[in-house]
Amino acid sequence: MTNVSASTAAAEYSTAQKWLHWLHAALILTLIPVGIIMSNSDPSPTVNAMYELHKSFGMTVFVLAVIRVAYRVARGAPAYADELPAVQRMAANAVHHLLYALIVVTPILGFVGTSMCCKPVNLFWTVPVPFGFDGSEATTKLVFTLHKTAAITMAVLVIGHIGAALFHGFVRRDGILRRMLPG
């Protein structure tokens, strides 16, 4: 998942990489506030529906993450411009690696916790996911705490990622933001 050299990297992200990025962004930017709202709300039919949608879209995020990571490994990413300061290059690499790890790990933790407490786990109310995990109440709480911590970490990194993208797009005007924009 590292950025490859300029001689082997594409000049910009592929159309598929852009679509996967923006689809993931939309889902994650929806799932995080929904997760916060539902976990801090009293039980109700609306909150139950939010949990079901959160679980289903979380599983969707996981499947897309596997596809996205595989595509990134196979295709690579555009090389950083030589004039990009080393500290920004290191920060970008660290944030991208952490975000890729979190888009895989966070939904796994959510699924494991949910399957421990609330079998069966269904995809959009209808399709039961055929495997699950068993665990004590204490283990289930721990897994959900890890899920929440991973989601909060992801939210913080996403805010930084958005800030950096806007900085590159509107302050530095160096083309980095443009590489991921559709069209």
C-alpha atoms as a PDB file:
ATOM      1  CA  MET A   1       0.000   0.000   0.000  1.00  0.00           C
ATOM      2  CA  THR A   2       2.959   2.272  -0.222  1.00  0.00           C
ATOM      3  CA  ASN A   3       3.294   4.853  -2.911  1.00  0.00           C
ATOM      4  CA  VAL A   4       5.405   3.493  -5.721  1.00  0.00           C
ATOM      5  CA  SER A   5       8.052   5.382  -7.613  1.00  0.00           C
ATOM      6  CA  ALA A   6       7.108   7.897 -10.280  1.00  0.00           C
ATOM      7  CA  SER A   7       8.378   5.543 -12.982  1.00  0.00           C
ATOM      8  CA  THR A   8       5.896   2.808 -12.003  1.00  0.00           C
ATOM      9  CA  ALA A   9       2.995   4.824 -10.593  1.00  0.00           C
ATOM     10  CA  ALA A  10       0.047   6.166 -12.506  1.00  0.00           C
ATOM     11  CA  ALA A  11      -0.217   9.945 -12.811  1.00  0.00           C
ATOM     12  CA  GLU A  12      -3.531   9.877 -10.947  1.00  0.00           C
ATOM     13  CA  TYR A  13      -5.841   7.428  -9.300  1.00  0.00           C
ATOM     14  CA  SER A  14      -7.885   5.218 -11.605  1.00  0.00           C
ATOM     15  CA  THR A  15     -11.613   5.751 -12.043  1.00  0.00           C
ATOM     16  CA  ALA A  16     -12.263   2.612  -9.983  1.00  0.00           C
ATOM     17  CA  GLN A  17     -10.037   3.867  -7.163  1.00  0.00           C
ATOM     18  CA  LYS A  18     -11.841   7.209  -7.176  1.00  0.00           C
ATOM     19  CA  TRP A  19     -15.272   5.561  -7.047  1.00  0.00           C
ATOM     20  CA  LEU A  20     -14.213   3.233  -4.229  1.00  0.00           C
ATOM     21  CA  HIS A  21     -12.708   6.168  -2.316  1.00  0.00           C
ATOM     22  CA  TRP A  22     -15.815   8.358  -2.592  1.00  0.00           C
ATOM     23  CA  LEU A  23     -18.242   5.503  -1.919  1.00  0.00           C
ATOM     24  CA  HIS A  24     -16.250   4.597   1.179  1.00  0.00           C
ATOM     25  CA  ALA A  25     -16.133   8.243   2.231  1.00  0.00           C
ATOM     26  CA  ALA A  26     -19.913   8.582   1.918  1.00  0.00           C
ATOM     27  CA  LEU A  27     -20.585   5.381   3.872  1.00  0.00           C
ATOM     28  CA  ILE A  28     -18.075   6.119   6.626  1.00  0.00           C
ATOM     29  CA  LEU A  29     -19.143   9.747   6.992  1.00  0.00           C
ATOM     30  CA  THR A  30     -22.685   8.419   7.467  1.00  0.00           C
ATOM     31  CA  LEU A  31     -21.856   5.437   9.693  1.00  0.00           C
ATOM     32  CA  ILE A  32     -19.842   7.401  12.259  1.00  0.00           C
ATOM     33  CA  PRO A  33     -22.574   9.869  13.282  1.00  0.00           C
ATOM     34  CA  VAL A  34     -25.260   7.170  13.045  1.00  0.00           C
ATOM     35  CA  GLY A  35     -23.154   4.994  15.367  1.00  0.00           C
ATOM     36  CA  ILE A  36     -22.809   7.839  17.844  1.00  0.00           C
ATOM     37  CA  ILE A  37     -26.527   8.664  17.765  1.00  0.00           C
ATOM     38  CA  MET A  38     -27.775   5.084  18.068  1.00  0.00           C
ATOM     39  CA  SER A  39     -25.364   4.115  20.852  1.00  0.00           C
ATOM     40  CA  ASN A  40     -26.433   7.151  22.887  1.00  0.00           C
ATOM     41  CA  SER A  41     -30.181   6.752  22.322  1.00  0.00           C
ATOM     42  CA  ASP A  42     -32.858   4.861  24.214  1.00  0.00           C
ATOM     43  CA  PRO A  43     -34.201   1.750  22.479  1.00  0.00           C
ATOM     44  CA  SER A  44     -36.985   2.411  19.997  1.00  0.00           C
ATOM     45  CA  PRO A  45     -38.079   1.089  16.601  1.00  0.00           C
ATOM     46  CA  THR A  46     -36.123   3.916  14.949  1.00  0.00           C
ATOM     47  CA  VAL A  47     -32.962   3.138  16.913  1.00  0.00           C
ATOM     48  CA  ASN A  48     -33.365  -0.586  16.143  1.00  0.00           C
ATOM     49  CA  ALA A  49     -33.593   0.272  12.441  1.00  0.00           C
ATOM     50  CA  MET A  50     -30.469   2.429  12.780  1.00  0.00           C
ATOM     51  CA  TYR A  51     -28.606  -0.542  14.308  1.00  0.00           C
ATOM     52  CA  GLU A  52     -29.700  -2.819  11.482  1.00  0.00           C
ATOM     53  CA  LEU A  53     -28.658  -0.308   8.828  1.00  0.00           C
ATOM     54  CA  HIS A  54     -25.374   0.386  10.641  1.00  0.00           C
ATOM     55  CA  LYS A  55     -24.561  -3.337  10.721  1.00  0.00           C
ATOM     56  CA  SER A  56     -25.481  -3.866   7.071  1.00  0.00           C
ATOM     57  CA  PHE A  57     -23.614  -0.837   5.777  1.00  0.00           C
ATOM     58  CA  GLY A  58     -20.691  -1.782   8.037  1.00  0.00           C
ATOM     59  CA  MET A  59     -20.520  -5.182   6.322  1.00  0.00           C
ATOM     60  CA  THR A  60     -20.717  -3.361   2.984  1.00  0.00           C
ATOM     61  CA  VAL A  61     -17.796  -1.138   4.041  1.00  0.00           C
ATOM     62  CA  PHE A  62     -15.794  -4.270   4.856  1.00  0.00           C
ATOM     63  CA  VAL A  63     -16.414  -5.898   1.462  1.00  0.00           C
ATOM     64  CA  LEU A  64     -15.549  -2.651  -0.320  1.00  0.00           C
ATOM     65  CA  ALA A  65     -12.439  -2.324   1.859  1.00  0.00           C
ATOM     66  CA  VAL A  66     -11.181  -5.740   0.804  1.00  0.00           C
ATOM     67  CA  ILE A  67     -11.734  -4.806  -2.843  1.00  0.00           C
ATOM     68  CA  ARG A  68     -10.135  -1.406  -2.326  1.00  0.00           C
ATOM     69  CA  VAL A  69      -7.045  -2.763  -0.563  1.00  0.00           C
ATOM     70  CA  ALA A  70      -6.575  -5.441  -3.227  1.00  0.00           C
ATOM     71  CA  TYR A  71      -6.914  -2.840  -5.976  1.00  0.00           C
ATOM     72  CA  ARG A  72      -4.471  -0.501  -4.210  1.00  0.00           C
ATOM     73  CA  VAL A  73      -1.916  -3.297  -3.820  1.00  0.00           C
ATOM     74  CA  ALA A  74      -2.304  -4.278  -7.476  1.00  0.00           C
ATOM     75  CA  ARG A  75      -2.341  -0.779  -8.963  1.00  0.00           C
ATOM     76  CA  GLY A  76      -0.429   1.310  -6.456  1.00  0.00           C
ATOM     77  CA  ALA A  77      -0.923   5.032  -6.100  1.00  0.00           C
ATOM     78  CA  PRO A  78       0.451   8.109  -7.785  1.00  0.00           C
ATOM     79  CA  ALA A  79       3.886   9.081  -6.518  1.00  0.00           C
ATOM     80  CA  TYR A  80       4.183  12.145  -4.349  1.00  0.00           C
ATOM     81  CA  ALA A  81       5.586  15.225  -5.997  1.00  0.00           C
ATOM     82  CA  ASP A  82       9.302  15.663  -5.330  1.00  0.00           C
ATOM     83  CA  GLU A  83       8.702  19.098  -3.833  1.00  0.00           C
ATOM     84  CA  LEU A  84       6.373  17.703  -1.155  1.00  0.00           C
ATOM     85  CA  PRO A  85       8.210  18.112   2.175  1.00  0.00           C
ATOM     86  CA  ALA A  86       9.424  14.855   3.719  1.00  0.00           C
ATOM     87  CA  VAL A  87       7.365  15.379   6.886  1.00  0.00           C
ATOM     88  CA  GLN A  88       4.160  15.732   4.815  1.00  0.00           C
ATOM     89  CA  ARG A  89       5.082  12.644   2.798  1.00  0.00           C
ATOM     90  CA  MET A  90       5.604  10.643   6.011  1.00  0.00           C
ATOM     91  CA  ALA A  91       2.363  11.976   7.519  1.00  0.00           C
ATOM     92  CA  ALA A  92       0.408  11.147   4.350  1.00  0.00           C
ATOM     93  CA  ASN A  93       1.807   7.606   4.275  1.00  0.00           C
ATOM     94  CA  ALA A  94       1.046   7.065   7.956  1.00  0.00           C
ATOM     95  CA  VAL A  95      -2.521   8.386   7.686  1.00  0.00           C
ATOM     96  CA  HIS A  96      -3.253   6.392   4.521  1.00  0.00           C
ATOM     97  CA  HIS A  97      -1.927   3.159   6.052  1.00  0.00           C
ATOM     98  CA  LEU A  98      -3.897   3.724   9.246  1.00  0.00           C
ATOM     99  CA  LEU A  99      -7.080   4.541   7.324  1.00  0.00           C
ATOM    100  CA  TYR A 100      -6.712   1.418   5.182  1.00  0.00           C
ATOM    101  CA  ALA A 101      -6.186  -0.677   8.325  1.00  0.00           C
ATOM    102  CA  LEU A 102      -9.184   0.901  10.043  1.00  0.00           C
ATOM    103  CA  ILE A 103     -11.582   0.431   7.095  1.00  0.00           C
ATOM    104  CA  VAL A 104     -10.840  -3.292   7.421  1.00  0.00           C
ATOM    105  CA  VAL A 105     -10.527  -3.704  11.199  1.00  0.00           C
ATOM    106  CA  THR A 106     -13.413  -1.479  12.360  1.00  0.00           C
ATOM    107  CA  PRO A 107     -16.187  -3.409  10.561  1.00  0.00           C
ATOM    108  CA  ILE A 108     -14.619  -6.723  11.604  1.00  0.00           C
ATOM    109  CA  LEU A 109     -14.767  -5.654  15.251  1.00  0.00           C
ATOM    110  CA  GLY A 110     -18.374  -4.495  14.817  1.00  0.00           C
ATOM    111  CA  PHE A 111     -19.352  -7.792  13.214  1.00  0.00           C
ATOM    112  CA  VAL A 112     -17.577  -9.896  15.849  1.00  0.00           C
ATOM    113  CA  GLY A 113     -19.215  -7.952  18.687  1.00  0.00           C
ATOM    114  CA  THR A 114     -22.628  -8.085  17.079  1.00  0.00           C
ATOM    115  CA  SER A 115     -22.419 -11.797  16.346  1.00  0.00           C
ATOM    116  CA  MET A 116     -21.420 -12.408  19.988  1.00  0.00           C
ATOM    117  CA  CYS A 117     -24.455 -10.642  21.394  1.00  0.00           C
ATOM    118  CA  CYS A 118     -27.138 -10.604  18.766  1.00  0.00           C
ATOM    119  CA  LYS A 119     -27.247 -13.658  16.489  1.00  0.00           C
ATOM    120  CA  PRO A 120     -28.157 -13.992  13.732  1.00  0.00           C
ATOM    121  CA  VAL A 121     -26.541 -11.044  12.016  1.00  0.00           C
ATOM    122  CA  ASN A 122     -28.611 -10.263   8.941  1.00  0.00           C
ATOM    123  CA  LEU A 123     -27.648  -8.205   5.926  1.00  0.00           C
ATOM    124  CA  PHE A 124     -30.410  -5.637   5.397  1.00  0.00           C
ATOM    125  CA  TRP A 125     -32.863  -7.609   7.572  1.00  0.00           C
ATOM    126  CA  THR A 126     -33.008 -10.538   5.156  1.00  0.00           C
ATOM    127  CA  VAL A 127     -29.782 -12.407   4.416  1.00  0.00           C
ATOM    128  CA  PRO A 128     -28.291 -14.137   7.471  1.00  0.00           C
ATOM    129  CA  VAL A 129     -24.501 -14.049   7.570  1.00  0.00           C
ATOM    130  CA  PRO A 130     -23.621 -17.733   7.966  1.00  0.00           C
ATOM    131  CA  PHE A 131     -20.865 -17.473  10.565  1.00  0.00           C
ATOM    132  CA  GLY A 132     -20.499 -15.860  13.915  1.00  0.00           C
ATOM    133  CA  PHE A 133     -18.557 -15.737  17.138  1.00  0.00           C
ATOM    134  CA  ASP A 134     -19.278 -16.702  20.722  1.00  0.00           C
ATOM    135  CA  GLY A 135     -18.094 -14.740  23.697  1.00  0.00           C
ATOM    136  CA  SER A 136     -18.897 -13.802  27.234  1.00  0.00           C
ATOM    137  CA  GLU A 137     -20.586 -10.531  28.073  1.00  0.00           C
ATOM    138  CA  ALA A 138     -17.216  -9.117  29.165  1.00  0.00           C
ATOM    139  CA  THR A 139     -15.574 -10.160  25.895  1.00  0.00           C
ATOM    140  CA  THR A 140     -18.445  -8.699  23.900  1.00  0.00           C
ATOM    141  CA  LYS A 141     -18.116  -5.377  25.757  1.00  0.00           C
ATOM    142  CA  LEU A 142     -14.376  -5.359  25.079  1.00  0.00           C
ATOM    143  CA  VAL A 143     -14.892  -5.983  21.365  1.00  0.00           C
ATOM    144  CA  PHE A 144     -17.466  -3.186  21.150  1.00  0.00           C
ATOM    145  CA  THR A 145     -15.096  -0.865  23.038  1.00  0.00           C
ATOM    146  CA  LEU A 146     -12.377  -1.670  20.500  1.00  0.00           C
ATOM    147  CA  HIS A 147     -14.868  -1.074  17.663  1.00  0.00           C
ATOM    148  CA  LYS A 148     -15.802   2.306  19.126  1.00  0.00           C
ATOM    149  CA  THR A 149     -12.146   3.246  19.659  1.00  0.00           C
ATOM    150  CA  ALA A 150     -11.294   2.265  16.078  1.00  0.00           C
ATOM    151  CA  ALA A 151     -14.255   4.289  14.763  1.00  0.00           C
ATOM    152  CA  ILE A 152     -13.271   7.370  16.794  1.00  0.00           C
ATOM    153  CA  THR A 153      -9.676   7.030  15.612  1.00  0.00           C
ATOM    154  CA  MET A 154     -10.934   6.758  12.044  1.00  0.00           C
ATOM    155  CA  ALA A 155     -13.088   9.863  12.489  1.00  0.00           C
ATOM    156  CA  VAL A 156     -10.104  11.864  13.742  1.00  0.00           C
ATOM    157  CA  LEU A 157      -7.922  10.652  10.872  1.00  0.00           C
ATOM    158  CA  VAL A 158     -10.684  11.382   8.345  1.00  0.00           C
ATOM    159  CA  ILE A 159     -10.953  14.952   9.647  1.00  0.00           C
ATOM    160  CA  GLY A 160      -7.180  15.337   9.265  1.00  0.00           C
ATOM    161  CA  HIS A 161      -7.312  13.725   5.818  1.00  0.00           C
ATOM    162  CA  ILE A 162     -10.039  16.119   4.677  1.00  0.00           C
ATOM    163  CA  GLY A 163      -8.128  19.072   6.111  1.00  0.00           C
ATOM    164  CA  ALA A 164      -4.941  18.028   4.314  1.00  0.00           C
ATOM    165  CA  ALA A 165      -6.807  17.509   1.039  1.00  0.00           C
ATOM    166  CA  LEU A 166      -8.367  20.969   1.288  1.00  0.00           C
ATOM    167  CA  PHE A 167      -4.973  22.471   2.187  1.00  0.00           C
ATOM    168  CA  HIS A 168      -3.432  20.905  -0.918  1.00  0.00           C
ATOM    169  CA  GLY A 169      -6.376  21.875  -3.091  1.00  0.00           C
ATOM    170  CA  PHE A 170      -6.885  25.472  -2.027  1.00  0.00           C
ATOM    171  CA  VAL A 171      -3.688  26.666  -0.330  1.00  0.00           C
ATOM    172  CA  ARG A 172      -0.839  24.808  -2.015  1.00  0.00           C
ATOM    173  CA  ARG A 173      -2.769  24.230  -5.252  1.00  0.00           C
ATOM    174  CA  ASP A 174      -0.375  21.398  -6.036  1.00  0.00           C
ATOM    175  CA  GLY A 175      -2.767  18.974  -7.784  1.00  0.00           C
ATOM    176  CA  ILE A 176      -2.895  16.408  -4.979  1.00  0.00           C
ATOM    177  CA  LEU A 177      -6.627  16.963  -4.345  1.00  0.00           C
ATOM    178  CA  ARG A 178      -7.362  16.924  -8.060  1.00  0.00           C
ATOM    179  CA  ARG A 179      -5.901  13.402  -8.427  1.00  0.00           C
ATOM    180  CA  MET A 180      -8.809  11.959  -6.410  1.00  0.00           C
ATOM    181  CA  LEU A 181     -11.631  14.126  -7.740  1.00  0.00           C
ATOM    182  CA  PRO A 182     -14.073  12.484 -10.163  1.00  0.00           C
ATOM    183  CA  GLY A 183     -13.850  13.451 -13.811  1.00  0.00           C
END
